[in-house]
Amino acid sequence: MVKVAVTGGSGWMAQEVIDKLVATKKHEILIISRMDPPLNAKVQPGVTWAKTDYSDKSQLTGLLKGVHTVICFSTAHSDPGSVSQKLLIDSAIAAGVKRYAPNEWSGSSVEELPWYAEKENVREYLKEINKEKKVLEYTLFQPGFITDMLAPLENVATSRSQELWFDFPNRRAITLKNVDDAFTGTTLNDLVNVVVRAVDYEGEWPVIGGIRGEAVSASELLEIGKKVRGGKPWDITYLSEADVRADDFETPWVPKFVDPNLTDEQNAYFSKVILKGCLLSGVSKSWVVTDDWNRLLPDYKFTGVEEFLKERWAGKD
């Protein structure tokens, strides 16, 4: 049994990990958040809550005293310069924390994904502080694309502030023509199960922590969509890579990004920026990840993309 601190603990992915850790009945959990606990928060044995604004190193160090593992779920784009997360890392070291998982939870690269740029900043910081000697064991949990985002809304625990360029509910997609692209799709359940097993893992954590569900191309994903959705034909918009790179493209629809803190014009602008990045990220293989945790947990069976989506869309119109 160890004490695990989960920062950014009010988010949807963090809650999934917390629930699974609690279910093991092995660990003490400390949720660290900028928010107060929800009034309707369920009481869970062994779980405590601490509020912080991540600006006071002495406060954070005090909170992390006695903590063995820190798992971070804070959003990268809301921490310019990664100031808060760097302070959290420094506080973890000062408090004697053994293991740290930064706010990764996506692909292996941030190329073409500028809203993830701070992830690279944190990677370099962790590498630098361990350059002379290891002062903090860490792993970059990288599952690629969360397959659940393509499932029906009622089956998804995930946030839907962002629509997708593969729109399974409406049988439509925007994609590039004549490109060599690839993605790794991993289910939320597989990701969470690996994280929980990683907490118990007795060996040293790998720095690159790829969690590989299944690798697919855009064309393969479209074929899966047609199979699992059935019914009406899909409306597919094909674009050239050159036009997208030049910002010289129009589409009949744009997947909407919605941030309540932004104006309609700003949301519309970022929606197109995100669409461009997502299209090109397949070419740069930014969502393709390694299989480090698969190899360390050889007895765990991962769920394939088509297998998962076929089950989730069964019986849906």
C-alpha atoms as a PDB file:
ATOM      1  CA  MET A   1       0.000   0.000   0.000  1.00  0.00           C
ATOM      2  CA  VAL A   2       1.273   3.457  -0.938  1.00  0.00           C
ATOM      3  CA  LYS A   3      -0.114   6.984  -0.867  1.00  0.00           C
ATOM      4  CA  VAL A   4      -0.979   8.321  -4.309  1.00  0.00           C
ATOM      5  CA  ALA A   5      -1.599  12.000  -5.052  1.00  0.00           C
ATOM      6  CA  VAL A   6      -3.723  12.777  -8.109  1.00  0.00           C
ATOM      7  CA  THR A   7      -3.407  16.383  -9.258  1.00  0.00           C
ATOM      8  CA  GLY A   8      -6.033  17.927 -11.483  1.00  0.00           C
ATOM      9  CA  GLY A   9      -8.149  15.381  -9.675  1.00  0.00           C
ATOM     10  CA  SER A  10     -11.551  16.828 -10.575  1.00  0.00           C
ATOM     11  CA  GLY A  11     -11.227  16.000 -14.285  1.00  0.00           C
ATOM     12  CA  TRP A  12     -12.944  13.093 -16.052  1.00  0.00           C
ATOM     13  CA  MET A  13      -9.840  10.983 -16.704  1.00  0.00           C
ATOM     14  CA  ALA A  14      -8.511  11.562 -13.210  1.00  0.00           C
ATOM     15  CA  GLN A  15     -11.835  10.416 -11.749  1.00  0.00           C
ATOM     16  CA  GLU A  16     -11.662   7.178 -13.735  1.00  0.00           C
ATOM     17  CA  VAL A  17      -8.182   6.453 -12.350  1.00  0.00           C
ATOM     18  CA  ILE A  18      -9.200   7.392  -8.812  1.00  0.00           C
ATOM     19  CA  ASP A  19     -12.247   5.095  -8.911  1.00  0.00           C
ATOM     20  CA  LYS A  20     -10.142   2.178 -10.123  1.00  0.00           C
ATOM     21  CA  LEU A  21      -7.437   2.809  -7.502  1.00  0.00           C
ATOM     22  CA  VAL A  22     -10.078   2.954  -4.774  1.00  0.00           C
ATOM     23  CA  ALA A  23     -11.571  -0.326  -6.021  1.00  0.00           C
ATOM     24  CA  THR A  24      -8.253  -2.106  -5.389  1.00  0.00           C
ATOM     25  CA  LYS A  25      -8.546  -1.223  -1.667  1.00  0.00           C
ATOM     26  CA  LYS A  26      -4.763  -1.018  -1.577  1.00  0.00           C
ATOM     27  CA  HIS A  27      -3.868   2.657  -1.548  1.00  0.00           C
ATOM     28  CA  GLU A  28      -4.495   5.951   0.162  1.00  0.00           C
ATOM     29  CA  ILE A  29      -5.558   8.610  -2.357  1.00  0.00           C
ATOM     30  CA  LEU A  30      -5.036  12.367  -2.090  1.00  0.00           C
ATOM     31  CA  ILE A  31      -6.922  14.440  -4.676  1.00  0.00           C
ATOM     32  CA  ILE A  32      -5.253  17.807  -5.296  1.00  0.00           C
ATOM     33  CA  SER A  33      -7.286  20.373  -7.200  1.00  0.00           C
ATOM     34  CA  ARG A  34      -7.816  24.077  -7.739  1.00  0.00           C
ATOM     35  CA  MET A  35     -11.470  23.438  -6.945  1.00  0.00           C
ATOM     36  CA  ASP A  36     -13.395  22.567  -3.829  1.00  0.00           C
ATOM     37  CA  PRO A  37     -14.838  19.046  -3.814  1.00  0.00           C
ATOM     38  CA  PRO A  38     -18.277  18.925  -5.466  1.00  0.00           C
ATOM     39  CA  LEU A  39     -21.180  19.138  -3.046  1.00  0.00           C
ATOM     40  CA  ASN A  40     -22.480  15.844  -4.394  1.00  0.00           C
ATOM     41  CA  ALA A  41     -19.083  14.127  -4.363  1.00  0.00           C
ATOM     42  CA  LYS A  42     -19.338  10.491  -3.341  1.00  0.00           C
ATOM     43  CA  VAL A  43     -17.609   9.533  -0.113  1.00  0.00           C
ATOM     44  CA  GLN A  44     -14.849   7.062  -0.899  1.00  0.00           C
ATOM     45  CA  PRO A  45     -12.837   5.264   1.774  1.00  0.00           C
ATOM     46  CA  GLY A  46      -9.189   6.275   1.898  1.00  0.00           C
ATOM     47  CA  VAL A  47      -9.702   9.370  -0.260  1.00  0.00           C
ATOM     48  CA  THR A  48      -8.952  12.927   0.902  1.00  0.00           C
ATOM     49  CA  TRP A  49      -9.119  16.259  -0.948  1.00  0.00           C
ATOM     50  CA  ALA A  50      -6.797  19.283  -0.849  1.00  0.00           C
ATOM     51  CA  LYS A  51      -7.291  22.605  -2.609  1.00  0.00           C
ATOM     52  CA  THR A  52      -4.354  24.613  -3.980  1.00  0.00           C
ATOM     53  CA  ASP A  53      -3.573  27.165  -6.673  1.00  0.00           C
ATOM     54  CA  TYR A  54      -0.172  25.510  -7.356  1.00  0.00           C
ATOM     55  CA  SER A  55       1.752  28.712  -6.609  1.00  0.00           C
ATOM     56  CA  ASP A  56       3.193  27.982  -3.136  1.00  0.00           C
ATOM     57  CA  LYS A  57       6.060  25.475  -3.031  1.00  0.00           C
ATOM     58  CA  SER A  58       5.999  25.134   0.757  1.00  0.00           C
ATOM     59  CA  GLN A  59       2.277  24.357   0.697  1.00  0.00           C
ATOM     60  CA  LEU A  60       2.670  21.812  -2.086  1.00  0.00           C
ATOM     61  CA  THR A  61       5.660  20.200  -0.390  1.00  0.00           C
ATOM     62  CA  GLY A  62       3.627  19.884   2.797  1.00  0.00           C
ATOM     63  CA  LEU A  63       0.730  18.295   0.928  1.00  0.00           C
ATOM     64  CA  LEU A  64       3.072  15.789  -0.726  1.00  0.00           C
ATOM     65  CA  LYS A  65       4.859  14.664   2.422  1.00  0.00           C
ATOM     66  CA  GLY A  66       4.409  10.915   2.706  1.00  0.00           C
ATOM     67  CA  VAL A  67       3.226  10.576  -0.901  1.00  0.00           C
ATOM     68  CA  HIS A  68       4.878   7.808  -2.917  1.00  0.00           C
ATOM     69  CA  THR A  69       3.440   8.503  -6.397  1.00  0.00           C
ATOM     70  CA  VAL A  70       2.097  11.668  -8.034  1.00  0.00           C
ATOM     71  CA  ILE A  71      -0.126  11.352 -11.099  1.00  0.00           C
ATOM     72  CA  CYS A  72      -0.808  14.640 -12.866  1.00  0.00           C
ATOM     73  CA  PHE A  73      -3.912  15.368 -14.971  1.00  0.00           C
ATOM     74  CA  SER A  74      -3.751  19.153 -15.241  1.00  0.00           C
ATOM     75  CA  THR A  75      -4.362  20.558 -18.721  1.00  0.00           C
ATOM     76  CA  ALA A  76      -1.225  21.581 -20.598  1.00  0.00           C
ATOM     77  CA  HIS A  77      -2.638  24.571 -22.474  1.00  0.00           C
ATOM     78  CA  SER A  78      -3.857  26.240 -19.274  1.00  0.00           C
ATOM     79  CA  ASP A  79      -0.347  26.383 -17.770  1.00  0.00           C
ATOM     80  CA  PRO A  80       1.783  28.708 -19.943  1.00  0.00           C
ATOM     81  CA  GLY A  81       5.456  27.962 -19.473  1.00  0.00           C
ATOM     82  CA  SER A  82       4.447  24.928 -17.396  1.00  0.00           C
ATOM     83  CA  VAL A  83       5.053  27.107 -14.335  1.00  0.00           C
ATOM     84  CA  SER A  84       2.603  25.245 -12.120  1.00  0.00           C
ATOM     85  CA  GLN A  85       3.723  21.781 -13.124  1.00  0.00           C
ATOM     86  CA  LYS A  86       7.401  22.600 -12.752  1.00  0.00           C
ATOM     87  CA  LEU A  87       6.687  23.878  -9.249  1.00  0.00           C
ATOM     88  CA  LEU A  88       4.754  20.684  -8.543  1.00  0.00           C
ATOM     89  CA  ILE A  89       7.729  18.613  -9.712  1.00  0.00           C
ATOM     90  CA  ASP A  90      10.113  20.629  -7.528  1.00  0.00           C
ATOM     91  CA  SER A  91       7.757  20.217  -4.572  1.00  0.00           C
ATOM     92  CA  ALA A  92       7.511  16.471  -5.170  1.00  0.00           C
ATOM     93  CA  ILE A  93      11.294  16.172  -5.079  1.00  0.00           C
ATOM     94  CA  ALA A  94      11.481  18.278  -1.911  1.00  0.00           C
ATOM     95  CA  ALA A  95       8.806  16.100  -0.276  1.00  0.00           C
ATOM     96  CA  GLY A  96      10.638  12.866  -1.121  1.00  0.00           C
ATOM     97  CA  VAL A  97       8.126  11.569  -3.675  1.00  0.00           C
ATOM     98  CA  LYS A  98       9.458   8.474  -5.446  1.00  0.00           C
ATOM     99  CA  ARG A  99       7.429   8.424  -8.677  1.00  0.00           C
ATOM    100  CA  TYR A 100       5.863  11.057 -10.913  1.00  0.00           C
ATOM    101  CA  ALA A 101       3.587  10.861 -13.963  1.00  0.00           C
ATOM    102  CA  PRO A 102       3.274  14.231 -15.747  1.00  0.00           C
ATOM    103  CA  ASN A 103       0.239  15.433 -17.694  1.00  0.00           C
ATOM    104  CA  GLU A 104       0.761  13.365 -20.844  1.00  0.00           C
ATOM    105  CA  TRP A 105      -2.264  11.174 -21.719  1.00  0.00           C
ATOM    106  CA  SER A 106      -2.033  11.610 -25.501  1.00  0.00           C
ATOM    107  CA  GLY A 107       0.488  10.814 -28.243  1.00  0.00           C
ATOM    108  CA  SER A 108       4.245  10.454 -28.413  1.00  0.00           C
ATOM    109  CA  SER A 109       4.824  13.780 -30.159  1.00  0.00           C
ATOM    110  CA  VAL A 110       3.330  17.280 -30.081  1.00  0.00           C
ATOM    111  CA  GLU A 111       4.194  17.881 -33.743  1.00  0.00           C
ATOM    112  CA  GLU A 112       1.205  19.523 -35.485  1.00  0.00           C
ATOM    113  CA  LEU A 113      -0.565  19.736 -32.097  1.00  0.00           C
ATOM    114  CA  PRO A 114       0.419  23.185 -30.766  1.00  0.00           C
ATOM    115  CA  TRP A 115      -2.100  23.092 -27.915  1.00  0.00           C
ATOM    116  CA  TYR A 116       0.005  20.283 -26.433  1.00  0.00           C
ATOM    117  CA  ALA A 117       3.303  22.206 -26.631  1.00  0.00           C
ATOM    118  CA  GLU A 118       3.680  22.435 -22.857  1.00  0.00           C
ATOM    119  CA  LYS A 119       3.882  18.644 -22.636  1.00  0.00           C
ATOM    120  CA  GLU A 120       7.235  18.830 -24.418  1.00  0.00           C
ATOM    121  CA  ASN A 121       8.314  21.573 -22.023  1.00  0.00           C
ATOM    122  CA  VAL A 122       7.623  19.289 -19.052  1.00  0.00           C
ATOM    123  CA  ARG A 123       9.384  16.337 -20.706  1.00  0.00           C
ATOM    124  CA  GLU A 124      12.535  18.423 -21.120  1.00  0.00           C
ATOM    125  CA  TYR A 125      12.318  19.672 -17.531  1.00  0.00           C
ATOM    126  CA  LEU A 126      12.096  16.133 -16.127  1.00  0.00           C
ATOM    127  CA  LYS A 127      14.978  15.053 -18.336  1.00  0.00           C
ATOM    128  CA  GLU A 128      17.108  17.977 -17.188  1.00  0.00           C
ATOM    129  CA  ILE A 129      16.585  17.498 -13.457  1.00  0.00           C
ATOM    130  CA  ASN A 130      17.592  13.838 -13.782  1.00  0.00           C
ATOM    131  CA  LYS A 131      20.615  14.547 -16.018  1.00  0.00           C
ATOM    132  CA  GLU A 132      23.355  14.281 -13.376  1.00  0.00           C
ATOM    133  CA  LYS A 133      21.651  11.637 -11.248  1.00  0.00           C
ATOM    134  CA  LYS A 134      18.128  10.302 -10.916  1.00  0.00           C
ATOM    135  CA  VAL A 135      16.217  12.377  -8.390  1.00  0.00           C
ATOM    136  CA  LEU A 136      12.692  11.454  -9.482  1.00  0.00           C
ATOM    137  CA  GLU A 137      11.476   8.313 -11.228  1.00  0.00           C
ATOM    138  CA  TYR A 138       8.894   9.144 -13.869  1.00  0.00           C
ATOM    139  CA  THR A 139       7.007   7.761 -16.829  1.00  0.00           C
ATOM    140  CA  LEU A 140       5.227   9.452 -19.724  1.00  0.00           C
ATOM    141  CA  PHE A 141       1.897   7.633 -19.978  1.00  0.00           C
ATOM    142  CA  GLN A 142       1.137   7.846 -23.722  1.00  0.00           C
ATOM    143  CA  PRO A 143      -1.980   5.973 -24.925  1.00  0.00           C
ATOM    144  CA  GLY A 144      -2.349   7.753 -28.249  1.00  0.00           C
ATOM    145  CA  PHE A 145      -5.941   8.547 -29.180  1.00  0.00           C
ATOM    146  CA  ILE A 146      -8.639   7.571 -26.648  1.00  0.00           C
ATOM    147  CA  THR A 147     -10.930   5.265 -28.654  1.00  0.00           C
ATOM    148  CA  ASP A 148     -13.898   6.086 -26.399  1.00  0.00           C
ATOM    149  CA  MET A 149     -14.118   9.476 -28.079  1.00  0.00           C
ATOM    150  CA  LEU A 150     -15.611   7.682 -31.093  1.00  0.00           C
ATOM    151  CA  ALA A 151     -18.252   5.875 -29.038  1.00  0.00           C
ATOM    152  CA  PRO A 152     -21.866   7.006 -28.478  1.00  0.00           C
ATOM    153  CA  LEU A 153     -22.134   9.903 -26.054  1.00  0.00           C
ATOM    154  CA  GLU A 154     -24.062   7.938 -23.451  1.00  0.00           C
ATOM    155  CA  ASN A 155     -21.207   5.423 -23.273  1.00  0.00           C
ATOM    156  CA  VAL A 156     -18.462   7.989 -22.850  1.00  0.00           C
ATOM    157  CA  ALA A 157     -17.027   9.215 -19.588  1.00  0.00           C
ATOM    158  CA  THR A 158     -14.817  11.608 -21.489  1.00  0.00           C
ATOM    159  CA  SER A 159     -15.173  15.334 -21.991  1.00  0.00           C
ATOM    160  CA  ARG A 160     -16.755  16.395 -25.276  1.00  0.00           C
ATOM    161  CA  SER A 161     -15.627  20.008 -25.527  1.00  0.00           C
ATOM    162  CA  GLN A 162     -14.180  19.031 -28.893  1.00  0.00           C
ATOM    163  CA  GLU A 163     -16.017  17.356 -31.760  1.00  0.00           C
ATOM    164  CA  LEU A 164     -13.964  15.034 -33.932  1.00  0.00           C
ATOM    165  CA  TRP A 165     -13.026  14.999 -37.603  1.00  0.00           C
ATOM    166  CA  PHE A 166     -14.186  11.374 -37.617  1.00  0.00           C
ATOM    167  CA  ASP A 167     -17.836  11.959 -36.741  1.00  0.00           C
ATOM    168  CA  PHE A 168     -19.254   8.503 -36.035  1.00  0.00           C
ATOM    169  CA  PRO A 169     -22.662   9.717 -34.744  1.00  0.00           C
ATOM    170  CA  ASN A 170     -23.387  11.615 -37.982  1.00  0.00           C
ATOM    171  CA  ARG A 171     -21.550   9.244 -40.350  1.00  0.00           C
ATOM    172  CA  ARG A 172     -19.212  11.851 -41.780  1.00  0.00           C
ATOM    173  CA  ALA A 173     -15.496  12.550 -41.796  1.00  0.00           C
ATOM    174  CA  ILE A 174     -12.806  14.939 -42.993  1.00  0.00           C
ATOM    175  CA  THR A 175      -9.563  13.316 -44.044  1.00  0.00           C
ATOM    176  CA  LEU A 176      -6.466  13.706 -46.205  1.00  0.00           C
ATOM    177  CA  LYS A 177      -6.115  11.922 -49.538  1.00  0.00           C
ATOM    178  CA  ASN A 178      -3.083   9.946 -50.670  1.00  0.00           C
ATOM    179  CA  VAL A 179      -1.079  10.158 -47.443  1.00  0.00           C
ATOM    180  CA  ASP A 180       0.717   7.654 -45.230  1.00  0.00           C
ATOM    181  CA  ASP A 181      -0.843   8.314 -41.849  1.00  0.00           C
ATOM    182  CA  ALA A 182      -1.282   6.390 -38.596  1.00  0.00           C
ATOM    183  CA  PHE A 183      -2.809   6.648 -35.142  1.00  0.00           C
ATOM    184  CA  THR A 184      -2.796   4.511 -32.017  1.00  0.00           C
ATOM    185  CA  GLY A 185      -6.229   3.973 -30.492  1.00  0.00           C
ATOM    186  CA  THR A 186      -6.425   2.862 -26.855  1.00  0.00           C
ATOM    187  CA  THR A 187      -9.577   2.540 -24.777  1.00  0.00           C
ATOM    188  CA  LEU A 188     -10.017   4.533 -21.588  1.00  0.00           C
ATOM    189  CA  ASN A 189     -10.507   1.291 -19.672  1.00  0.00           C
ATOM    190  CA  ASP A 190      -7.181  -0.096 -20.904  1.00  0.00           C
ATOM    191  CA  LEU A 191      -5.394   3.143 -20.067  1.00  0.00           C
ATOM    192  CA  VAL A 192      -6.820   3.237 -16.548  1.00  0.00           C
ATOM    193  CA  ASN A 193      -6.042  -0.425 -15.918  1.00  0.00           C
ATOM    194  CA  VAL A 194      -2.435   0.067 -16.987  1.00  0.00           C
ATOM    195  CA  VAL A 195      -2.027   3.105 -14.728  1.00  0.00           C
ATOM    196  CA  VAL A 196      -3.372   1.175 -11.743  1.00  0.00           C
ATOM    197  CA  ARG A 197      -1.044  -1.733 -12.479  1.00  0.00           C
ATOM    198  CA  ALA A 198       1.847   0.701 -12.909  1.00  0.00           C
ATOM    199  CA  VAL A 199       1.283   2.001  -9.370  1.00  0.00           C
ATOM    200  CA  ASP A 200       1.790  -1.577  -8.118  1.00  0.00           C
ATOM    201  CA  TYR A 201       4.650  -2.333 -10.508  1.00  0.00           C
ATOM    202  CA  GLU A 202       7.765  -3.227  -8.502  1.00  0.00           C
ATOM    203  CA  GLY A 203      10.330  -2.576 -11.211  1.00  0.00           C
ATOM    204  CA  GLU A 204      11.572   0.792 -12.399  1.00  0.00           C
ATOM    205  CA  TRP A 205       9.130   2.820 -14.460  1.00  0.00           C
ATOM    206  CA  PRO A 206      10.160   3.320 -18.108  1.00  0.00           C
ATOM    207  CA  VAL A 207      10.634   6.970 -19.066  1.00  0.00           C
ATOM    208  CA  ILE A 208       8.688   6.470 -22.306  1.00  0.00           C
ATOM    209  CA  GLY A 209       5.459   4.861 -21.166  1.00  0.00           C
ATOM    210  CA  GLY A 210       3.689   3.905 -24.361  1.00  0.00           C
ATOM    211  CA  ILE A 211       0.349   2.120 -23.915  1.00  0.00           C
ATOM    212  CA  ARG A 212      -0.585   0.648 -27.280  1.00  0.00           C
ATOM    213  CA  GLY A 213      -4.134  -0.476 -27.888  1.00  0.00           C
ATOM    214  CA  GLU A 214      -4.087  -0.836 -31.680  1.00  0.00           C
ATOM    215  CA  ALA A 215      -2.492   1.041 -34.566  1.00  0.00           C
ATOM    216  CA  VAL A 216      -4.834   2.149 -37.377  1.00  0.00           C
ATOM    217  CA  SER A 217      -4.669   4.438 -40.395  1.00  0.00           C
ATOM    218  CA  ALA A 218      -7.327   7.011 -41.233  1.00  0.00           C
ATOM    219  CA  SER A 219      -8.616   4.823 -44.073  1.00  0.00           C
ATOM    220  CA  GLU A 220      -8.847   1.824 -41.747  1.00  0.00           C
ATOM    221  CA  LEU A 221     -10.703   3.924 -39.196  1.00  0.00           C
ATOM    222  CA  LEU A 222     -13.182   5.008 -41.861  1.00  0.00           C
ATOM    223  CA  GLU A 223     -13.765   1.383 -42.831  1.00  0.00           C
ATOM    224  CA  ILE A 224     -14.362   0.536 -39.171  1.00  0.00           C
ATOM    225  CA  GLY A 225     -16.822   3.409 -38.994  1.00  0.00           C
ATOM    226  CA  LYS A 226     -18.761   2.128 -41.979  1.00  0.00           C
ATOM    227  CA  LYS A 227     -18.896  -1.365 -40.470  1.00  0.00           C
ATOM    228  CA  VAL A 228     -19.984  -0.438 -36.958  1.00  0.00           C
ATOM    229  CA  ARG A 229     -22.419   2.313 -37.974  1.00  0.00           C
ATOM    230  CA  GLY A 230     -24.027   0.543 -40.935  1.00  0.00           C
ATOM    231  CA  GLY A 231     -27.135   2.163 -42.393  1.00  0.00           C
ATOM    232  CA  LYS A 232     -26.682   5.334 -44.433  1.00  0.00           C
ATOM    233  CA  PRO A 233     -23.506   5.979 -46.460  1.00  0.00           C
ATOM    234  CA  TRP A 234     -20.851   8.242 -45.001  1.00  0.00           C
ATOM    235  CA  ASP A 235     -20.246  11.807 -46.192  1.00  0.00           C
ATOM    236  CA  ILE A 236     -16.463  12.023 -46.535  1.00  0.00           C
ATOM    237  CA  THR A 237     -14.573  15.206 -47.384  1.00  0.00           C
ATOM    238  CA  TYR A 238     -11.116  14.580 -48.872  1.00  0.00           C
ATOM    239  CA  LEU A 239      -8.456  17.307 -48.668  1.00  0.00           C
ATOM    240  CA  SER A 240      -4.901  17.529 -49.969  1.00  0.00           C
ATOM    241  CA  GLU A 241      -2.074  17.732 -47.463  1.00  0.00           C
ATOM    242  CA  ALA A 242      -0.582  20.710 -49.320  1.00  0.00           C
ATOM    243  CA  ASP A 243      -3.818  22.712 -49.128  1.00  0.00           C
ATOM    244  CA  VAL A 244      -4.203  22.023 -45.418  1.00  0.00           C
ATOM    245  CA  ARG A 245      -0.611  23.057 -44.702  1.00  0.00           C
ATOM    246  CA  ALA A 246      -1.209  26.268 -46.654  1.00  0.00           C
ATOM    247  CA  ASP A 247      -4.478  26.973 -44.791  1.00  0.00           C
ATOM    248  CA  ASP A 248      -6.129  26.949 -48.192  1.00  0.00           C
ATOM    249  CA  PHE A 249      -9.073  24.660 -47.617  1.00  0.00           C
ATOM    250  CA  GLU A 250     -12.792  24.756 -46.984  1.00  0.00           C
ATOM    251  CA  THR A 251     -15.006  22.017 -45.593  1.00  0.00           C
ATOM    252  CA  PRO A 252     -18.801  21.672 -45.426  1.00  0.00           C
ATOM    253  CA  TRP A 253     -18.503  21.446 -41.657  1.00  0.00           C
ATOM    254  CA  VAL A 254     -15.848  21.982 -38.996  1.00  0.00           C
ATOM    255  CA  PRO A 255     -15.658  19.967 -35.762  1.00  0.00           C
ATOM    256  CA  LYS A 256     -16.592  22.445 -33.057  1.00  0.00           C
ATOM    257  CA  PHE A 257     -14.299  23.325 -30.188  1.00  0.00           C
ATOM    258  CA  VAL A 258     -16.231  24.923 -27.341  1.00  0.00           C
ATOM    259  CA  ASP A 259     -14.607  26.757 -24.444  1.00  0.00           C
ATOM    260  CA  PRO A 260     -17.114  28.767 -22.381  1.00  0.00           C
ATOM    261  CA  ASN A 261     -14.371  31.263 -21.549  1.00  0.00           C
ATOM    262  CA  LEU A 262     -13.923  32.211 -25.219  1.00  0.00           C
ATOM    263  CA  THR A 263     -16.069  34.218 -27.609  1.00  0.00           C
ATOM    264  CA  ASP A 264     -17.888  32.554 -30.509  1.00  0.00           C
ATOM    265  CA  GLU A 265     -15.319  34.012 -32.892  1.00  0.00           C
ATOM    266  CA  GLN A 266     -12.420  32.651 -30.853  1.00  0.00           C
ATOM    267  CA  ASN A 267     -14.020  29.205 -30.617  1.00  0.00           C
ATOM    268  CA  ALA A 268     -14.554  29.199 -34.387  1.00  0.00           C
ATOM    269  CA  TYR A 269     -10.910  30.162 -34.980  1.00  0.00           C
ATOM    270  CA  PHE A 270      -9.552  27.469 -32.664  1.00  0.00           C
ATOM    271  CA  SER A 271     -11.923  24.905 -34.180  1.00  0.00           C
ATOM    272  CA  LYS A 272     -10.170  25.300 -37.542  1.00  0.00           C
ATOM    273  CA  VAL A 273      -6.702  25.362 -35.960  1.00  0.00           C
ATOM    274  CA  ILE A 274      -7.485  22.095 -34.180  1.00  0.00           C
ATOM    275  CA  LEU A 275      -8.911  20.520 -37.344  1.00  0.00           C
ATOM    276  CA  LYS A 276      -5.734  21.385 -39.263  1.00  0.00           C
ATOM    277  CA  GLY A 277      -3.501  20.009 -36.521  1.00  0.00           C
ATOM    278  CA  CYS A 278      -5.494  16.798 -36.160  1.00  0.00           C
ATOM    279  CA  LEU A 279      -5.416  16.134 -39.904  1.00  0.00           C
ATOM    280  CA  LEU A 280      -1.660  16.696 -40.156  1.00  0.00           C
ATOM    281  CA  SER A 281      -0.866  14.831 -36.938  1.00  0.00           C
ATOM    282  CA  GLY A 282      -1.731  11.586 -38.667  1.00  0.00           C
ATOM    283  CA  VAL A 283       0.996  12.258 -41.228  1.00  0.00           C
ATOM    284  CA  SER A 284       3.530  13.169 -38.531  1.00  0.00           C
ATOM    285  CA  LYS A 285       2.498  10.025 -36.593  1.00  0.00           C
ATOM    286  CA  SER A 286       2.091  12.162 -33.472  1.00  0.00           C
ATOM    287  CA  TRP A 287      -0.557   9.807 -32.079  1.00  0.00           C
ATOM    288  CA  VAL A 288       1.501   6.656 -32.660  1.00  0.00           C
ATOM    289  CA  VAL A 289       2.960   5.332 -29.410  1.00  0.00           C
ATOM    290  CA  THR A 290       5.358   2.632 -28.279  1.00  0.00           C
ATOM    291  CA  ASP A 291       4.376  -0.541 -26.427  1.00  0.00           C
ATOM    292  CA  ASP A 292       6.532  -0.141 -23.304  1.00  0.00           C
ATOM    293  CA  TRP A 293       3.770  -0.898 -20.789  1.00  0.00           C
ATOM    294  CA  ASN A 294       2.377  -3.678 -22.985  1.00  0.00           C
ATOM    295  CA  ARG A 295       5.717  -5.452 -22.699  1.00  0.00           C
ATOM    296  CA  LEU A 296       5.967  -4.857 -18.957  1.00  0.00           C
ATOM    297  CA  LEU A 297       2.441  -6.194 -18.423  1.00  0.00           C
ATOM    298  CA  PRO A 298       2.419  -9.159 -20.860  1.00  0.00           C
ATOM    299  CA  ASP A 299      -0.611 -10.838 -19.256  1.00  0.00           C
ATOM    300  CA  TYR A 300      -2.892  -7.861 -19.879  1.00  0.00           C
ATOM    301  CA  LYS A 301      -5.119  -8.105 -22.988  1.00  0.00           C
ATOM    302  CA  PHE A 302      -5.858  -4.848 -24.781  1.00  0.00           C
ATOM    303  CA  THR A 303      -9.090  -4.145 -26.654  1.00  0.00           C
ATOM    304  CA  GLY A 304      -8.854  -3.466 -30.388  1.00  0.00           C
ATOM    305  CA  VAL A 305     -10.401  -0.398 -31.989  1.00  0.00           C
ATOM    306  CA  GLU A 306     -12.985  -2.267 -34.090  1.00  0.00           C
ATOM    307  CA  GLU A 307     -13.780  -4.692 -31.275  1.00  0.00           C
ATOM    308  CA  PHE A 308     -14.487  -1.837 -28.889  1.00  0.00           C
ATOM    309  CA  LEU A 309     -16.514   0.313 -31.281  1.00  0.00           C
ATOM    310  CA  LYS A 310     -18.537  -2.619 -32.604  1.00  0.00           C
ATOM    311  CA  GLU A 311     -19.692  -3.374 -29.069  1.00  0.00           C
ATOM    312  CA  ARG A 312     -20.421   0.264 -28.218  1.00  0.00           C
ATOM    313  CA  TRP A 313     -22.386   0.992 -31.395  1.00  0.00           C
ATOM    314  CA  ALA A 314     -24.363  -2.259 -31.413  1.00  0.00           C
ATOM    315  CA  GLY A 315     -28.082  -1.504 -31.654  1.00  0.00           C
ATOM    316  CA  LYS A 316     -27.567   2.233 -32.185  1.00  0.00           C
ATOM    317  CA  ASP A 317     -29.274   4.041 -35.059  1.00  0.00           C
END
